[in-house]
């Protein structure tokens, strides 16, 4: 037999409920007295664990994506050191070369981010059954992660391009 009691008493002090049941029948065993919050929390424990595990995997995927973007963009710029040296030797200004290299790298990164956001809308529909209190197409989350990846791509383009424009054009021409 299960009895549900609605009370305004403090949730931690459930002893008055035991006393009230014992006053009606002292031989009646009273056990498992819990708050409704505890019962709901226990019933959602497996789903909460699954979502926390998914959050861990999503964070790991975001970190791997950031590292991958940085690696690819830095490699892309390092392959252009000779070209940068030639441009600098022919009289191109450092700022112009830097802007050109960063813009070309960022255009690739922006295309990738746009494709990723589009794909996330498709995948979000599959995961919408696991979400509580947030929509499957949460714009704040999408914008935050897209901005993070664009920032990583910007740093990955800017730092190696800045270094490449600071070296002597003759050294860059001999670079292999």
C-alpha atoms as a PDB file:
ATOM      1  CA  UNK A   1       0.000   0.000   0.000  1.00  0.00           C
ATOM      2  CA  UNK A   2       1.275   3.431  -0.913  1.00  0.00           C
ATOM      3  CA  UNK A   3       0.108   6.673   0.629  1.00  0.00           C
ATOM      4  CA  UNK A   4       0.896  10.075  -0.844  1.00  0.00           C
ATOM      5  CA  UNK A   5       0.751  13.033   1.502  1.00  0.00           C
ATOM      6  CA  UNK A   6       0.803  16.647   0.463  1.00  0.00           C
ATOM      7  CA  UNK A   7       2.326  18.851   3.095  1.00  0.00           C
ATOM      8  CA  UNK A   8       3.788  22.303   3.538  1.00  0.00           C
ATOM      9  CA  UNK A   9       6.294  20.987   6.043  1.00  0.00           C
ATOM     10  CA  UNK A  10       9.993  20.920   5.400  1.00  0.00           C
ATOM     11  CA  UNK A  11      10.878  18.105   2.982  1.00  0.00           C
ATOM     12  CA  UNK A  12      13.704  16.898   5.239  1.00  0.00           C
ATOM     13  CA  UNK A  13      11.451  16.388   8.260  1.00  0.00           C
ATOM     14  CA  UNK A  14       9.278  13.421   7.343  1.00  0.00           C
ATOM     15  CA  UNK A  15       9.045  12.126  10.910  1.00  0.00           C
ATOM     16  CA  UNK A  16       5.589  13.670  11.543  1.00  0.00           C
ATOM     17  CA  UNK A  17       4.212  11.510   8.733  1.00  0.00           C
ATOM     18  CA  UNK A  18       5.569   8.376  10.386  1.00  0.00           C
ATOM     19  CA  UNK A  19       4.127   9.463  13.714  1.00  0.00           C
ATOM     20  CA  UNK A  20       0.710  10.095  12.172  1.00  0.00           C
ATOM     21  CA  UNK A  21       0.589   6.638  10.572  1.00  0.00           C
ATOM     22  CA  UNK A  22       1.812   4.978  13.786  1.00  0.00           C
ATOM     23  CA  UNK A  23      -0.841   6.802  15.803  1.00  0.00           C
ATOM     24  CA  UNK A  24      -3.567   5.205  13.652  1.00  0.00           C
ATOM     25  CA  UNK A  25      -2.128   1.668  13.868  1.00  0.00           C
ATOM     26  CA  UNK A  26       1.039   1.069  15.919  1.00  0.00           C
ATOM     27  CA  UNK A  27       1.548  -2.381  14.336  1.00  0.00           C
ATOM     28  CA  UNK A  28       1.614  -0.987  10.796  1.00  0.00           C
ATOM     29  CA  UNK A  29       5.181  -0.877   9.432  1.00  0.00           C
ATOM     30  CA  UNK A  30       6.193   2.440   7.939  1.00  0.00           C
ATOM     31  CA  UNK A  31       9.119   2.367   5.534  1.00  0.00           C
ATOM     32  CA  UNK A  32      10.288   4.075   2.370  1.00  0.00           C
ATOM     33  CA  UNK A  33       9.107   7.531   3.394  1.00  0.00           C
ATOM     34  CA  UNK A  34      10.496   9.842   0.712  1.00  0.00           C
ATOM     35  CA  UNK A  35       9.723  13.138  -0.891  1.00  0.00           C
ATOM     36  CA  UNK A  36       8.217  13.266  -4.358  1.00  0.00           C
ATOM     37  CA  UNK A  37      11.319  15.092  -5.562  1.00  0.00           C
ATOM     38  CA  UNK A  38      13.447  12.130  -4.475  1.00  0.00           C
ATOM     39  CA  UNK A  39      11.127   9.690  -6.229  1.00  0.00           C
ATOM     40  CA  UNK A  40      11.169  11.669  -9.470  1.00  0.00           C
ATOM     41  CA  UNK A  41      14.932  12.093  -9.251  1.00  0.00           C
ATOM     42  CA  UNK A  42      15.426   8.347  -8.778  1.00  0.00           C
ATOM     43  CA  UNK A  43      13.140   7.535 -11.699  1.00  0.00           C
ATOM     44  CA  UNK A  44      15.150   9.827 -13.984  1.00  0.00           C
ATOM     45  CA  UNK A  45      18.587   8.649 -12.818  1.00  0.00           C
ATOM     46  CA  UNK A  46      19.304   6.402 -15.813  1.00  0.00           C
ATOM     47  CA  UNK A  47      18.210   9.069 -18.299  1.00  0.00           C
ATOM     48  CA  UNK A  48      20.284  11.696 -16.448  1.00  0.00           C
ATOM     49  CA  UNK A  49      23.339   9.410 -16.625  1.00  0.00           C
ATOM     50  CA  UNK A  50      22.803   8.903 -20.362  1.00  0.00           C
ATOM     51  CA  UNK A  51      22.552  12.649 -20.935  1.00  0.00           C
ATOM     52  CA  UNK A  52      25.645  13.349 -18.850  1.00  0.00           C
ATOM     53  CA  UNK A  53      27.528  10.760 -20.870  1.00  0.00           C
ATOM     54  CA  UNK A  54      26.299  12.372 -24.086  1.00  0.00           C
ATOM     55  CA  UNK A  55      27.424  15.774 -22.780  1.00  0.00           C
ATOM     56  CA  UNK A  56      30.874  14.335 -22.079  1.00  0.00           C
ATOM     57  CA  UNK A  57      31.070  12.901 -25.591  1.00  0.00           C
ATOM     58  CA  UNK A  58      29.817  16.173 -27.091  1.00  0.00           C
ATOM     59  CA  UNK A  59      32.463  18.123 -25.177  1.00  0.00           C
ATOM     60  CA  UNK A  60      35.126  15.691 -26.351  1.00  0.00           C
ATOM     61  CA  UNK A  61      33.872  16.031 -29.944  1.00  0.00           C
ATOM     62  CA  UNK A  62      33.967  19.830 -29.663  1.00  0.00           C
ATOM     63  CA  UNK A  63      37.519  19.711 -28.321  1.00  0.00           C
ATOM     64  CA  UNK A  64      38.604  17.342 -31.101  1.00  0.00           C
ATOM     65  CA  UNK A  65      36.929  19.562 -33.690  1.00  0.00           C
ATOM     66  CA  UNK A  66      38.742  22.620 -32.317  1.00  0.00           C
ATOM     67  CA  UNK A  67      42.092  20.804 -32.338  1.00  0.00           C
ATOM     68  CA  UNK A  68      41.412  19.502 -35.841  1.00  0.00           C
ATOM     69  CA  UNK A  69      40.472  22.917 -37.173  1.00  0.00           C
ATOM     70  CA  UNK A  70      43.554  24.453 -35.615  1.00  0.00           C
ATOM     71  CA  UNK A  71      45.797  21.731 -37.044  1.00  0.00           C
ATOM     72  CA  UNK A  72      44.377  21.889 -40.563  1.00  0.00           C
ATOM     73  CA  UNK A  73      44.391  25.673 -40.723  1.00  0.00           C
ATOM     74  CA  UNK A  74      47.921  25.938 -39.322  1.00  0.00           C
ATOM     75  CA  UNK A  75      49.112  23.326 -41.827  1.00  0.00           C
ATOM     76  CA  UNK A  76      47.318  25.190 -44.626  1.00  0.00           C
ATOM     77  CA  UNK A  77      49.203  28.384 -43.748  1.00  0.00           C
ATOM     78  CA  UNK A  78      52.557  26.635 -43.236  1.00  0.00           C
ATOM     79  CA  UNK A  79      52.316  25.225 -46.758  1.00  0.00           C
ATOM     80  CA  UNK A  80      52.113  28.778 -48.085  1.00  0.00           C
ATOM     81  CA  UNK A  81      55.299  30.116 -46.476  1.00  0.00           C
ATOM     82  CA  UNK A  82      57.147  30.034 -49.799  1.00  0.00           C
ATOM     83  CA  UNK A  83      54.295  31.889 -51.524  1.00  0.00           C
ATOM     84  CA  UNK A  84      54.267  34.442 -48.732  1.00  0.00           C
ATOM     85  CA  UNK A  85      58.028  34.891 -49.136  1.00  0.00           C
ATOM     86  CA  UNK A  86      57.644  35.486 -52.873  1.00  0.00           C
ATOM     87  CA  UNK A  87      54.882  38.022 -52.315  1.00  0.00           C
ATOM     88  CA  UNK A  88      56.966  39.814 -49.700  1.00  0.00           C
ATOM     89  CA  UNK A  89      60.057  39.757 -51.948  1.00  0.00           C
ATOM     90  CA  UNK A  90      58.006  41.340 -54.749  1.00  0.00           C
ATOM     91  CA  UNK A  91      56.973  44.191 -52.467  1.00  0.00           C
ATOM     92  CA  UNK A  92      53.681  43.149 -50.926  1.00  0.00           C
ATOM     93  CA  UNK A  93      52.927  44.772 -47.577  1.00  0.00           C
ATOM     94  CA  UNK A  94      52.880  42.507 -44.533  1.00  0.00           C
ATOM     95  CA  UNK A  95      49.376  43.572 -43.513  1.00  0.00           C
ATOM     96  CA  UNK A  96      47.999  42.889 -46.999  1.00  0.00           C
ATOM     97  CA  UNK A  97      49.548  39.413 -47.114  1.00  0.00           C
ATOM     98  CA  UNK A  98      48.317  38.690 -43.602  1.00  0.00           C
ATOM     99  CA  UNK A  99      44.768  39.757 -44.483  1.00  0.00           C
ATOM    100  CA  UNK A 100      44.822  37.685 -47.666  1.00  0.00           C
ATOM    101  CA  UNK A 101      46.009  34.508 -45.967  1.00  0.00           C
ATOM    102  CA  UNK A 102      43.622  34.882 -43.027  1.00  0.00           C
ATOM    103  CA  UNK A 103      40.674  35.646 -45.324  1.00  0.00           C
ATOM    104  CA  UNK A 104      41.340  32.598 -47.504  1.00  0.00           C
ATOM    105  CA  UNK A 105      41.601  30.330 -44.480  1.00  0.00           C
ATOM    106  CA  UNK A 106      38.538  31.838 -42.818  1.00  0.00           C
ATOM    107  CA  UNK A 107      36.434  31.389 -45.935  1.00  0.00           C
ATOM    108  CA  UNK A 108      37.099  27.648 -45.719  1.00  0.00           C
ATOM    109  CA  UNK A 109      36.345  27.631 -42.002  1.00  0.00           C
ATOM    110  CA  UNK A 110      33.097  29.565 -42.460  1.00  0.00           C
ATOM    111  CA  UNK A 111      31.929  27.136 -45.141  1.00  0.00           C
ATOM    112  CA  UNK A 112      32.691  24.270 -42.758  1.00  0.00           C
ATOM    113  CA  UNK A 113      30.835  25.919 -39.879  1.00  0.00           C
ATOM    114  CA  UNK A 114      27.794  26.603 -42.073  1.00  0.00           C
ATOM    115  CA  UNK A 115      27.738  22.984 -43.250  1.00  0.00           C
ATOM    116  CA  UNK A 116      28.127  21.821 -39.650  1.00  0.00           C
ATOM    117  CA  UNK A 117      25.236  23.979 -38.421  1.00  0.00           C
ATOM    118  CA  UNK A 118      23.071  22.627 -41.244  1.00  0.00           C
ATOM    119  CA  UNK A 119      23.978  19.059 -40.340  1.00  0.00           C
ATOM    120  CA  UNK A 120      23.295  19.733 -36.660  1.00  0.00           C
ATOM    121  CA  UNK A 121      19.722  20.758 -37.488  1.00  0.00           C
ATOM    122  CA  UNK A 122      19.204  17.386 -39.144  1.00  0.00           C
ATOM    123  CA  UNK A 123      20.780  15.419 -36.285  1.00  0.00           C
ATOM    124  CA  UNK A 124      18.956  17.479 -33.630  1.00  0.00           C
ATOM    125  CA  UNK A 125      15.639  16.045 -34.807  1.00  0.00           C
ATOM    126  CA  UNK A 126      16.926  12.553 -34.033  1.00  0.00           C
ATOM    127  CA  UNK A 127      17.980  13.565 -30.510  1.00  0.00           C
ATOM    128  CA  UNK A 128      14.959  15.724 -29.663  1.00  0.00           C
ATOM    129  CA  UNK A 129      13.362  12.903 -27.641  1.00  0.00           C
ATOM    130  CA  UNK A 130      16.229  13.056 -25.129  1.00  0.00           C
ATOM    131  CA  UNK A 131      16.035  16.786 -24.445  1.00  0.00           C
ATOM    132  CA  UNK A 132      14.172  18.360 -21.519  1.00  0.00           C
ATOM    133  CA  UNK A 133      13.658  22.066 -21.065  1.00  0.00           C
ATOM    134  CA  UNK A 134      15.493  23.051 -24.235  1.00  0.00           C
ATOM    135  CA  UNK A 135      14.466  22.915 -27.863  1.00  0.00           C
ATOM    136  CA  UNK A 136      16.291  20.724 -30.356  1.00  0.00           C
ATOM    137  CA  UNK A 137      17.233  23.824 -32.331  1.00  0.00           C
ATOM    138  CA  UNK A 138      18.453  26.046 -29.500  1.00  0.00           C
ATOM    139  CA  UNK A 139      19.821  29.147 -31.271  1.00  0.00           C
ATOM    140  CA  UNK A 140      21.994  30.282 -28.359  1.00  0.00           C
ATOM    141  CA  UNK A 141      23.827  26.953 -28.250  1.00  0.00           C
ATOM    142  CA  UNK A 142      24.246  26.834 -32.029  1.00  0.00           C
ATOM    143  CA  UNK A 143      25.600  30.382 -32.141  1.00  0.00           C
ATOM    144  CA  UNK A 144      27.933  29.813 -29.176  1.00  0.00           C
ATOM    145  CA  UNK A 145      29.530  26.678 -30.616  1.00  0.00           C
ATOM    146  CA  UNK A 146      29.760  28.150 -34.120  1.00  0.00           C
ATOM    147  CA  UNK A 147      31.416  31.274 -32.681  1.00  0.00           C
ATOM    148  CA  UNK A 148      33.858  29.127 -30.706  1.00  0.00           C
ATOM    149  CA  UNK A 149      34.879  27.160 -33.802  1.00  0.00           C
ATOM    150  CA  UNK A 150      35.194  30.341 -35.892  1.00  0.00           C
ATOM    151  CA  UNK A 151      37.386  31.875 -33.164  1.00  0.00           C
ATOM    152  CA  UNK A 152      39.608  28.785 -33.138  1.00  0.00           C
ATOM    153  CA  UNK A 153      39.859  28.942 -36.935  1.00  0.00           C
ATOM    154  CA  UNK A 154      40.736  32.639 -36.777  1.00  0.00           C
ATOM    155  CA  UNK A 155      43.517  31.980 -34.276  1.00  0.00           C
ATOM    156  CA  UNK A 156      44.724  29.016 -36.332  1.00  0.00           C
ATOM    157  CA  UNK A 157      44.960  31.206 -39.416  1.00  0.00           C
ATOM    158  CA  UNK A 158      46.253  34.374 -37.825  1.00  0.00           C
ATOM    159  CA  UNK A 159      49.090  33.036 -35.648  1.00  0.00           C
ATOM    160  CA  UNK A 160      50.981  31.066 -38.359  1.00  0.00           C
ATOM    161  CA  UNK A 161      50.284  33.739 -40.997  1.00  0.00           C
ATOM    162  CA  UNK A 162      51.619  36.430 -38.655  1.00  0.00           C
ATOM    163  CA  UNK A 163      54.763  34.368 -38.051  1.00  0.00           C
ATOM    164  CA  UNK A 164      55.191  33.737 -41.776  1.00  0.00           C
ATOM    165  CA  UNK A 165      54.958  37.447 -42.609  1.00  0.00           C
ATOM    166  CA  UNK A 166      57.618  38.274 -39.993  1.00  0.00           C
ATOM    167  CA  UNK A 167      60.352  36.090 -41.464  1.00  0.00           C
ATOM    168  CA  UNK A 168      62.863  37.388 -43.985  1.00  0.00           C
ATOM    169  CA  UNK A 169      61.657  36.845 -47.594  1.00  0.00           C
ATOM    170  CA  UNK A 170      64.984  35.212 -48.525  1.00  0.00           C
ATOM    171  CA  UNK A 171      64.618  32.679 -45.703  1.00  0.00           C
ATOM    172  CA  UNK A 172      61.020  32.002 -46.783  1.00  0.00           C
ATOM    173  CA  UNK A 173      62.141  31.406 -50.357  1.00  0.00           C
ATOM    174  CA  UNK A 174      64.594  28.745 -49.159  1.00  0.00           C
ATOM    175  CA  UNK A 175      61.931  27.179 -46.882  1.00  0.00           C
ATOM    176  CA  UNK A 176      61.119  23.541 -47.665  1.00  0.00           C
END
